[in-house]
Amino acid sequence: MNKAQLGAALRALREAPGKEAKAVARNALMSPSKPSKIENANLLPSATDVERILTALGVSDAIKAEYTEAARAATAWRLLKRAGIHKGQQAAKALEAQMVTLRLFQPALVPGLLQTPEYIRAILQRHNLSEDALTRTISGRLERQAVLFDNTKKLRFVITEPVLRWRIVSPQMMAAQLDRIVSVSRLAHVDIRVVPLSAPQTDIANHAFVIRDDRMVTVETVHAEVVVTDPRDVEMYVRKFEGFEQVALSGDRMRTFIESLRDGFLTEQETG
């Protein structure tokens, strides 16, 4: 649901009981013009905005949950890019500061918290950022990595074997990236696992997702970041994560596996 669709839906919910926009604004503790701007797609509402409007309208909890979720999903990458992608790093850092447990599944790329500066730069260059924006975003992601050394948190990563083979950077830099993963895996509160291609599967590695404290899931799509908070949906992602976790390599077996791939990159670099 884009902002035009969301605005039209909120207008319909307001007009059904015959309420005036200004009255809704007053009850939602908003400026008189804000609901109208949202309804006319001149302003993208936050999830909090939508929740306040729907509370003022007196809709059911089910409707409120549905449209609040839609507002979260409407935060598209193009809007984030307009504001500055580095601000997305700040938002993620704030979430990670509040959480206790993180579970991250990634079938395509090395997770951001584990990426080297060279890998980060290669990933971000596809956004056609200015050099200043690129530098600030890289710095933001590296600052986020401080959470790796906070032993009050529990960080669990499951990645698939293709992540380790996908040639995002040169063989030498890929070897350094794999060394980075092995190094972080030795931290007592960090659990990194790798699902090898040889492992029998009963599930599909559809896309990356992050579960924070079993309360919120973020899913990155091509155009947007979708936020999931319904407990039933969160539980579905938890089960998916645990299923891949159970068939993944861990501990010394995982490190030996990654080191063998690293050695292959190093040999390639030496003979290239």
C-alpha atoms as a PDB file:
ATOM      1  CA  MET A   1       0.000   0.000   0.000  1.00  0.00           C
ATOM      2  CA  ASN A   2       1.568   3.312  -1.112  1.00  0.00           C
ATOM      3  CA  LYS A   3       0.893   6.693   0.485  1.00  0.00           C
ATOM      4  CA  ALA A   4      -1.921   7.526  -1.971  1.00  0.00           C
ATOM      5  CA  GLN A   5      -3.711   4.259  -1.199  1.00  0.00           C
ATOM      6  CA  LEU A   6      -3.146   4.684   2.517  1.00  0.00           C
ATOM      7  CA  GLY A   7      -4.446   8.262   2.417  1.00  0.00           C
ATOM      8  CA  ALA A   8      -7.561   7.224   0.490  1.00  0.00           C
ATOM      9  CA  ALA A   9      -8.229   4.413   2.968  1.00  0.00           C
ATOM     10  CA  LEU A  10      -7.948   6.784   5.937  1.00  0.00           C
ATOM     11  CA  ARG A  11     -10.308   9.250   4.239  1.00  0.00           C
ATOM     12  CA  ALA A  12     -12.864   6.480   3.704  1.00  0.00           C
ATOM     13  CA  LEU A  13     -12.633   5.448   7.352  1.00  0.00           C
ATOM     14  CA  ARG A  14     -13.153   9.065   8.426  1.00  0.00           C
ATOM     15  CA  GLU A  15     -16.025   9.800   6.065  1.00  0.00           C
ATOM     16  CA  ALA A  16     -17.980   6.614   6.858  1.00  0.00           C
ATOM     17  CA  PRO A  17     -19.131   7.957  10.253  1.00  0.00           C
ATOM     18  CA  GLY A  18     -19.297  11.496   8.858  1.00  0.00           C
ATOM     19  CA  LYS A  19     -16.434  12.975  10.868  1.00  0.00           C
ATOM     20  CA  GLU A  20     -14.699  16.210   9.848  1.00  0.00           C
ATOM     21  CA  ALA A  21     -10.942  16.194   9.242  1.00  0.00           C
ATOM     22  CA  LYS A  22     -10.411  19.090  11.666  1.00  0.00           C
ATOM     23  CA  ALA A  23     -12.261  17.258  14.425  1.00  0.00           C
ATOM     24  CA  VAL A  24     -10.119  14.179  13.864  1.00  0.00           C
ATOM     25  CA  ALA A  25      -6.989  16.334  13.942  1.00  0.00           C
ATOM     26  CA  ARG A  26      -8.067  17.852  17.249  1.00  0.00           C
ATOM     27  CA  ASN A  27      -8.754  14.461  18.851  1.00  0.00           C
ATOM     28  CA  ALA A  28      -5.494  13.051  17.467  1.00  0.00           C
ATOM     29  CA  LEU A  29      -3.546  16.038  18.863  1.00  0.00           C
ATOM     30  CA  MET A  30      -2.342  17.035  15.378  1.00  0.00           C
ATOM     31  CA  SER A  31      -2.212  20.304  13.490  1.00  0.00           C
ATOM     32  CA  PRO A  32      -5.566  20.990  11.747  1.00  0.00           C
ATOM     33  CA  SER A  33      -4.084  20.432   8.276  1.00  0.00           C
ATOM     34  CA  LYS A  34      -2.121  17.242   8.894  1.00  0.00           C
ATOM     35  CA  PRO A  35      -4.907  14.642   8.378  1.00  0.00           C
ATOM     36  CA  SER A  36      -5.926  16.344   5.129  1.00  0.00           C
ATOM     37  CA  LYS A  37      -2.337  16.308   3.876  1.00  0.00           C
ATOM     38  CA  ILE A  38      -2.151  12.600   4.663  1.00  0.00           C
ATOM     39  CA  GLU A  39      -5.470  11.838   2.991  1.00  0.00           C
ATOM     40  CA  ASN A  40      -4.438  13.752  -0.158  1.00  0.00           C
ATOM     41  CA  ALA A  41      -1.079  11.931  -0.334  1.00  0.00           C
ATOM     42  CA  ASN A  42       0.848  15.141   0.267  1.00  0.00           C
ATOM     43  CA  LEU A  43       2.411  13.683   3.387  1.00  0.00           C
ATOM     44  CA  LEU A  44       3.568  10.148   4.164  1.00  0.00           C
ATOM     45  CA  PRO A  45       2.330   9.354   7.684  1.00  0.00           C
ATOM     46  CA  SER A  46       4.365   7.516  10.245  1.00  0.00           C
ATOM     47  CA  ALA A  47       2.909   4.453  11.944  1.00  0.00           C
ATOM     48  CA  THR A  48       2.341   6.650  15.011  1.00  0.00           C
ATOM     49  CA  ASP A  49       0.404   9.191  12.940  1.00  0.00           C
ATOM     50  CA  VAL A  50      -1.875   6.478  11.593  1.00  0.00           C
ATOM     51  CA  GLU A  51      -2.419   4.973  15.025  1.00  0.00           C
ATOM     52  CA  ARG A  52      -3.403   8.369  16.476  1.00  0.00           C
ATOM     53  CA  ILE A  53      -5.823   9.067  13.619  1.00  0.00           C
ATOM     54  CA  LEU A  54      -7.447   5.662  13.919  1.00  0.00           C
ATOM     55  CA  THR A  55      -7.722   6.013  17.691  1.00  0.00           C
ATOM     56  CA  ALA A  56      -9.489   9.352  17.150  1.00  0.00           C
ATOM     57  CA  LEU A  57     -11.849   7.613  14.704  1.00  0.00           C
ATOM     58  CA  GLY A  58     -12.600   4.868  17.229  1.00  0.00           C
ATOM     59  CA  VAL A  59     -11.984   1.965  14.837  1.00  0.00           C
ATOM     60  CA  SER A  60     -11.481  -1.614  16.019  1.00  0.00           C
ATOM     61  CA  ASP A  61      -8.101  -2.896  17.172  1.00  0.00           C
ATOM     62  CA  ALA A  62      -7.960  -5.191  14.125  1.00  0.00           C
ATOM     63  CA  ILE A  63      -8.354  -2.309  11.671  1.00  0.00           C
ATOM     64  CA  LYS A  64      -5.892  -0.218  13.652  1.00  0.00           C
ATOM     65  CA  ALA A  65      -3.280  -2.991  13.514  1.00  0.00           C
ATOM     66  CA  GLU A  66      -3.807  -3.521   9.776  1.00  0.00           C
ATOM     67  CA  TYR A  67      -3.369   0.117   8.781  1.00  0.00           C
ATOM     68  CA  THR A  68      -0.554   0.811  11.212  1.00  0.00           C
ATOM     69  CA  GLU A  69       1.314  -2.098   9.652  1.00  0.00           C
ATOM     70  CA  ALA A  70       0.614  -0.659   6.193  1.00  0.00           C
ATOM     71  CA  ALA A  71       2.107   2.669   7.273  1.00  0.00           C
ATOM     72  CA  ARG A  72       5.292   0.938   8.349  1.00  0.00           C
ATOM     73  CA  ALA A  73       5.499  -0.941   5.067  1.00  0.00           C
ATOM     74  CA  ALA A  74       5.101   2.300   3.096  1.00  0.00           C
ATOM     75  CA  THR A  75       8.584   3.442   4.139  1.00  0.00           C
ATOM     76  CA  ALA A  76      10.194   2.866   0.754  1.00  0.00           C
ATOM     77  CA  TRP A  77      13.885   2.875  -0.131  1.00  0.00           C
ATOM     78  CA  ARG A  78      13.392   5.837  -2.465  1.00  0.00           C
ATOM     79  CA  LEU A  79      12.088   7.916   0.462  1.00  0.00           C
ATOM     80  CA  LEU A  80      14.963   6.802   2.647  1.00  0.00           C
ATOM     81  CA  LYS A  81      17.417   7.709  -0.101  1.00  0.00           C
ATOM     82  CA  ARG A  82      15.862  11.165  -0.389  1.00  0.00           C
ATOM     83  CA  ALA A  83      16.316  11.734   3.348  1.00  0.00           C
ATOM     84  CA  GLY A  84      19.776  10.149   3.338  1.00  0.00           C
ATOM     85  CA  ILE A  85      20.503   6.427   3.518  1.00  0.00           C
ATOM     86  CA  HIS A  86      22.874   7.102   6.417  1.00  0.00           C
ATOM     87  CA  LYS A  87      19.783   7.993   8.476  1.00  0.00           C
ATOM     88  CA  GLY A  88      18.614   4.421   8.002  1.00  0.00           C
ATOM     89  CA  GLN A  89      21.799   3.324   9.753  1.00  0.00           C
ATOM     90  CA  GLN A  90      20.971   5.665  12.641  1.00  0.00           C
ATOM     91  CA  ALA A  91      17.481   4.189  12.929  1.00  0.00           C
ATOM     92  CA  ALA A  92      18.844   0.633  12.898  1.00  0.00           C
ATOM     93  CA  LYS A  93      21.425   1.556  15.527  1.00  0.00           C
ATOM     94  CA  ALA A  94      18.666   2.905  17.784  1.00  0.00           C
ATOM     95  CA  LEU A  95      16.677  -0.324  17.444  1.00  0.00           C
ATOM     96  CA  GLU A  96      19.749  -2.433  18.176  1.00  0.00           C
ATOM     97  CA  ALA A  97      20.501  -0.371  21.285  1.00  0.00           C
ATOM     98  CA  GLN A  98      17.050  -1.191  22.690  1.00  0.00           C
ATOM     99  CA  MET A  99      16.935  -4.895  21.872  1.00  0.00           C
ATOM    100  CA  VAL A 100      18.296  -7.801  23.911  1.00  0.00           C
ATOM    101  CA  THR A 101      18.196 -10.593  21.323  1.00  0.00           C
ATOM    102  CA  LEU A 102      18.702 -10.361  17.574  1.00  0.00           C
ATOM    103  CA  ARG A 103      18.164 -13.181  15.084  1.00  0.00           C
ATOM    104  CA  LEU A 104      19.207 -12.471  11.521  1.00  0.00           C
ATOM    105  CA  PHE A 105      18.750 -14.727   8.499  1.00  0.00           C
ATOM    106  CA  GLN A 106      20.562 -13.787   5.297  1.00  0.00           C
ATOM    107  CA  PRO A 107      20.597 -15.903   2.097  1.00  0.00           C
ATOM    108  CA  ALA A 108      22.188 -13.321  -0.217  1.00  0.00           C
ATOM    109  CA  LEU A 109      24.727 -11.024   1.453  1.00  0.00           C
ATOM    110  CA  VAL A 110      26.995 -10.911   4.473  1.00  0.00           C
ATOM    111  CA  PRO A 111      24.907  -9.311   7.273  1.00  0.00           C
ATOM    112  CA  GLY A 112      25.628  -5.605   7.702  1.00  0.00           C
ATOM    113  CA  LEU A 113      26.893  -6.050  11.258  1.00  0.00           C
ATOM    114  CA  LEU A 114      29.566  -8.451   9.968  1.00  0.00           C
ATOM    115  CA  GLN A 115      30.645  -6.577   6.825  1.00  0.00           C
ATOM    116  CA  THR A 116      34.133  -5.152   6.254  1.00  0.00           C
ATOM    117  CA  PRO A 117      34.431  -1.525   5.037  1.00  0.00           C
ATOM    118  CA  GLU A 118      35.339  -2.710   1.523  1.00  0.00           C
ATOM    119  CA  TYR A 119      32.316  -5.002   1.370  1.00  0.00           C
ATOM    120  CA  ILE A 120      30.023  -2.231   2.641  1.00  0.00           C
ATOM    121  CA  ARG A 121      31.285   0.164  -0.025  1.00  0.00           C
ATOM    122  CA  ALA A 122      30.719  -2.391  -2.795  1.00  0.00           C
ATOM    123  CA  ILE A 123      27.150  -3.034  -1.612  1.00  0.00           C
ATOM    124  CA  LEU A 124      26.222   0.632  -1.293  1.00  0.00           C
ATOM    125  CA  GLN A 125      27.675   1.724  -4.618  1.00  0.00           C
ATOM    126  CA  ARG A 126      24.633   0.263  -6.389  1.00  0.00           C
ATOM    127  CA  HIS A 127      22.559   3.123  -4.933  1.00  0.00           C
ATOM    128  CA  ASN A 128      24.456   5.744  -6.970  1.00  0.00           C
ATOM    129  CA  LEU A 129      25.194   7.810  -3.879  1.00  0.00           C
ATOM    130  CA  SER A 130      27.444  10.842  -3.822  1.00  0.00           C
ATOM    131  CA  GLU A 131      30.875  10.225  -2.320  1.00  0.00           C
ATOM    132  CA  ASP A 132      29.885  12.217   0.769  1.00  0.00           C
ATOM    133  CA  ALA A 133      26.681  10.224   1.284  1.00  0.00           C
ATOM    134  CA  LEU A 134      28.563   6.982   0.659  1.00  0.00           C
ATOM    135  CA  THR A 135      31.220   7.847   3.239  1.00  0.00           C
ATOM    136  CA  ARG A 136      28.637   8.844   5.849  1.00  0.00           C
ATOM    137  CA  THR A 137      26.619   5.672   5.291  1.00  0.00           C
ATOM    138  CA  ILE A 138      29.713   3.460   5.576  1.00  0.00           C
ATOM    139  CA  SER A 139      30.656   5.238   8.798  1.00  0.00           C
ATOM    140  CA  GLY A 140      27.146   4.754  10.114  1.00  0.00           C
ATOM    141  CA  ARG A 141      27.198   1.036   9.453  1.00  0.00           C
ATOM    142  CA  LEU A 142      30.625   0.637  11.054  1.00  0.00           C
ATOM    143  CA  GLU A 143      29.401   2.530  14.131  1.00  0.00           C
ATOM    144  CA  ARG A 144      26.484   0.095  14.357  1.00  0.00           C
ATOM    145  CA  GLN A 145      28.959  -2.766  14.616  1.00  0.00           C
ATOM    146  CA  ALA A 146      29.848  -1.657  18.152  1.00  0.00           C
ATOM    147  CA  VAL A 147      26.796  -3.665  19.243  1.00  0.00           C
ATOM    148  CA  LEU A 148      28.805  -6.817  18.470  1.00  0.00           C
ATOM    149  CA  PHE A 149      30.918  -6.144  21.553  1.00  0.00           C
ATOM    150  CA  ASP A 150      28.012  -5.528  23.933  1.00  0.00           C
ATOM    151  CA  ASN A 151      27.904  -8.739  25.943  1.00  0.00           C
ATOM    152  CA  THR A 152      24.516  -7.851  27.435  1.00  0.00           C
ATOM    153  CA  LYS A 153      22.985  -8.789  24.086  1.00  0.00           C
ATOM    154  CA  LYS A 154      22.616 -12.104  22.303  1.00  0.00           C
ATOM    155  CA  LEU A 155      23.241 -11.990  18.553  1.00  0.00           C
ATOM    156  CA  ARG A 156      22.356 -14.962  16.370  1.00  0.00           C
ATOM    157  CA  PHE A 157      23.145 -15.062  12.660  1.00  0.00           C
ATOM    158  CA  VAL A 158      22.240 -17.737  10.116  1.00  0.00           C
ATOM    159  CA  ILE A 159      23.648 -17.290   6.624  1.00  0.00           C
ATOM    160  CA  THR A 160      23.647 -19.624   3.640  1.00  0.00           C
ATOM    161  CA  GLU A 161      26.735 -20.918   1.820  1.00  0.00           C
ATOM    162  CA  PRO A 162      26.144 -18.792  -1.330  1.00  0.00           C
ATOM    163  CA  VAL A 163      26.592 -15.682   0.842  1.00  0.00           C
ATOM    164  CA  LEU A 164      30.210 -16.720   1.360  1.00  0.00           C
ATOM    165  CA  ARG A 165      30.810 -17.390  -2.324  1.00  0.00           C
ATOM    166  CA  TRP A 166      29.020 -14.407  -3.912  1.00  0.00           C
ATOM    167  CA  ARG A 167      31.821 -12.286  -5.375  1.00  0.00           C
ATOM    168  CA  ILE A 168      30.942  -8.833  -4.111  1.00  0.00           C
ATOM    169  CA  VAL A 169      34.591  -7.749  -3.887  1.00  0.00           C
ATOM    170  CA  SER A 170      37.963  -9.054  -5.120  1.00  0.00           C
ATOM    171  CA  PRO A 171      39.182 -12.519  -4.006  1.00  0.00           C
ATOM    172  CA  GLN A 172      41.608 -10.911  -1.558  1.00  0.00           C
ATOM    173  CA  MET A 173      38.853  -8.767  -0.035  1.00  0.00           C
ATOM    174  CA  MET A 174      36.460 -11.735   0.078  1.00  0.00           C
ATOM    175  CA  ALA A 175      39.108 -13.644   2.031  1.00  0.00           C
ATOM    176  CA  ALA A 176      39.352 -10.723   4.476  1.00  0.00           C
ATOM    177  CA  GLN A 177      35.559 -10.659   4.765  1.00  0.00           C
ATOM    178  CA  LEU A 178      35.449 -14.357   5.630  1.00  0.00           C
ATOM    179  CA  ASP A 179      38.206 -13.845   8.203  1.00  0.00           C
ATOM    180  CA  ARG A 180      36.059 -11.133   9.751  1.00  0.00           C
ATOM    181  CA  ILE A 181      33.129 -13.541  10.138  1.00  0.00           C
ATOM    182  CA  VAL A 182      35.341 -16.184  11.749  1.00  0.00           C
ATOM    183  CA  SER A 183      36.805 -13.620  14.154  1.00  0.00           C
ATOM    184  CA  VAL A 184      33.415 -12.288  15.300  1.00  0.00           C
ATOM    185  CA  SER A 185      32.105 -15.849  15.731  1.00  0.00           C
ATOM    186  CA  ARG A 186      34.524 -16.341  18.624  1.00  0.00           C
ATOM    187  CA  LEU A 187      32.708 -13.794  20.783  1.00  0.00           C
ATOM    188  CA  ALA A 188      30.824 -15.649  23.531  1.00  0.00           C
ATOM    189  CA  HIS A 189      27.495 -13.850  22.993  1.00  0.00           C
ATOM    190  CA  VAL A 190      27.573 -14.102  19.185  1.00  0.00           C
ATOM    191  CA  ASP A 191      26.380 -17.235  17.399  1.00  0.00           C
ATOM    192  CA  ILE A 192      27.075 -17.437  13.654  1.00  0.00           C
ATOM    193  CA  ARG A 193      25.901 -20.445  11.644  1.00  0.00           C
ATOM    194  CA  VAL A 194      26.187 -21.389   7.993  1.00  0.00           C
ATOM    195  CA  VAL A 195      23.686 -23.518   6.076  1.00  0.00           C
ATOM    196  CA  PRO A 196      25.781 -25.544   3.590  1.00  0.00           C
ATOM    197  CA  LEU A 197      24.393 -26.339   0.163  1.00  0.00           C
ATOM    198  CA  SER A 198      24.839 -30.035   1.010  1.00  0.00           C
ATOM    199  CA  ALA A 199      22.315 -29.879   3.866  1.00  0.00           C
ATOM    200  CA  PRO A 200      18.903 -31.434   3.038  1.00  0.00           C
ATOM    201  CA  GLN A 201      16.200 -28.735   3.104  1.00  0.00           C
ATOM    202  CA  THR A 202      12.501 -28.689   3.838  1.00  0.00           C
ATOM    203  CA  ASP A 203      12.184 -24.896   3.677  1.00  0.00           C
ATOM    204  CA  ILE A 204      12.935 -22.150   1.148  1.00  0.00           C
ATOM    205  CA  ALA A 205      15.461 -19.354   1.727  1.00  0.00           C
ATOM    206  CA  ASN A 206      13.115 -16.686   0.359  1.00  0.00           C
ATOM    207  CA  HIS A 207      14.674 -13.463   1.616  1.00  0.00           C
ATOM    208  CA  ALA A 208      16.592 -11.844   4.450  1.00  0.00           C
ATOM    209  CA  PHE A 209      14.854 -10.937   7.702  1.00  0.00           C
ATOM    210  CA  VAL A 210      15.730  -9.717  11.189  1.00  0.00           C
ATOM    211  CA  ILE A 211      13.874 -10.657  14.380  1.00  0.00           C
ATOM    212  CA  ARG A 212      14.340  -8.373  17.369  1.00  0.00           C
ATOM    213  CA  ASP A 213      13.319  -9.721  20.788  1.00  0.00           C
ATOM    214  CA  ASP A 214      10.572 -11.879  19.251  1.00  0.00           C
ATOM    215  CA  ARG A 215       8.500  -8.682  18.997  1.00  0.00           C
ATOM    216  CA  MET A 216       9.349  -7.207  15.607  1.00  0.00           C
ATOM    217  CA  VAL A 217      10.570  -8.515  12.263  1.00  0.00           C
ATOM    218  CA  THR A 218      12.009  -6.356   9.497  1.00  0.00           C
ATOM    219  CA  VAL A 219      12.058  -7.699   5.954  1.00  0.00           C
ATOM    220  CA  GLU A 220      14.043  -6.016   3.200  1.00  0.00           C
ATOM    221  CA  THR A 221      12.453  -6.135  -0.240  1.00  0.00           C
ATOM    222  CA  VAL A 222      13.706  -4.546  -3.458  1.00  0.00           C
ATOM    223  CA  HIS A 223      11.798  -1.307  -2.884  1.00  0.00           C
ATOM    224  CA  ALA A 224      10.954  -1.137   0.802  1.00  0.00           C
ATOM    225  CA  GLU A 225      11.523  -2.331   4.335  1.00  0.00           C
ATOM    226  CA  VAL A 226       8.476  -4.135   5.699  1.00  0.00           C
ATOM    227  CA  VAL A 227       7.967  -4.173   9.456  1.00  0.00           C
ATOM    228  CA  VAL A 228       6.018  -7.073  10.992  1.00  0.00           C
ATOM    229  CA  THR A 229       4.641  -6.861  14.535  1.00  0.00           C
ATOM    230  CA  ASP A 230       1.621  -9.180  14.611  1.00  0.00           C
ATOM    231  CA  PRO A 231       2.647 -11.927  17.103  1.00  0.00           C
ATOM    232  CA  ARG A 232       1.357 -14.674  14.799  1.00  0.00           C
ATOM    233  CA  ASP A 233       3.492 -13.446  11.909  1.00  0.00           C
ATOM    234  CA  VAL A 234       6.531 -12.909  14.133  1.00  0.00           C
ATOM    235  CA  GLU A 235       6.204 -16.505  15.347  1.00  0.00           C
ATOM    236  CA  MET A 236       6.205 -17.707  11.731  1.00  0.00           C
ATOM    237  CA  TYR A 237       9.577 -16.012  11.169  1.00  0.00           C
ATOM    238  CA  VAL A 238      10.932 -17.413  14.437  1.00  0.00           C
ATOM    239  CA  ARG A 239      10.028 -20.942  13.304  1.00  0.00           C
ATOM    240  CA  LYS A 240      11.644 -20.333   9.918  1.00  0.00           C
ATOM    241  CA  PHE A 241      14.832 -19.053  11.557  1.00  0.00           C
ATOM    242  CA  GLU A 242      15.018 -21.997  13.947  1.00  0.00           C
ATOM    243  CA  GLY A 243      14.489 -24.455  11.116  1.00  0.00           C
ATOM    244  CA  PHE A 244      17.518 -23.148   9.225  1.00  0.00           C
ATOM    245  CA  GLU A 245      19.486 -22.839  12.453  1.00  0.00           C
ATOM    246  CA  GLN A 246      19.042 -26.538  13.175  1.00  0.00           C
ATOM    247  CA  VAL A 247      20.580 -27.678   9.866  1.00  0.00           C
ATOM    248  CA  ALA A 248      23.405 -25.116   9.888  1.00  0.00           C
ATOM    249  CA  LEU A 249      27.041 -25.645  10.777  1.00  0.00           C
ATOM    250  CA  SER A 250      28.129 -24.020  14.027  1.00  0.00           C
ATOM    251  CA  GLY A 251      31.207 -23.597  16.215  1.00  0.00           C
ATOM    252  CA  ASP A 252      34.462 -25.124  15.003  1.00  0.00           C
ATOM    253  CA  ARG A 253      32.760 -26.966  12.120  1.00  0.00           C
ATOM    254  CA  MET A 254      31.445 -23.661  10.806  1.00  0.00           C
ATOM    255  CA  ARG A 255      34.821 -21.958  11.205  1.00  0.00           C
ATOM    256  CA  THR A 256      36.637 -24.794   9.433  1.00  0.00           C
ATOM    257  CA  PHE A 257      34.125 -24.596   6.589  1.00  0.00           C
ATOM    258  CA  ILE A 258      34.546 -20.830   6.175  1.00  0.00           C
ATOM    259  CA  GLU A 259      38.323 -21.056   6.411  1.00  0.00           C
ATOM    260  CA  SER A 260      38.373 -23.566   3.556  1.00  0.00           C
ATOM    261  CA  LEU A 261      36.457 -21.106   1.382  1.00  0.00           C
ATOM    262  CA  ARG A 262      38.785 -18.309   2.461  1.00  0.00           C
ATOM    263  CA  ASP A 263      41.817 -20.375   1.473  1.00  0.00           C
ATOM    264  CA  GLY A 264      40.266 -20.872  -1.942  1.00  0.00           C
ATOM    265  CA  PHE A 265      39.974 -17.108  -2.427  1.00  0.00           C
ATOM    266  CA  LEU A 266      43.570 -16.611  -1.298  1.00  0.00           C
ATOM    267  CA  THR A 267      44.839 -19.253  -3.711  1.00  0.00           C
ATOM    268  CA  GLU A 268      42.890 -17.633  -6.514  1.00  0.00           C
ATOM    269  CA  GLN A 269      44.412 -14.248  -5.675  1.00  0.00           C
ATOM    270  CA  GLU A 270      47.943 -15.673  -5.686  1.00  0.00           C
ATOM    271  CA  THR A 271      47.552 -17.451  -9.021  1.00  0.00           C
ATOM    272  CA  GLY A 272      45.416 -14.767 -10.722  1.00  0.00           C
END
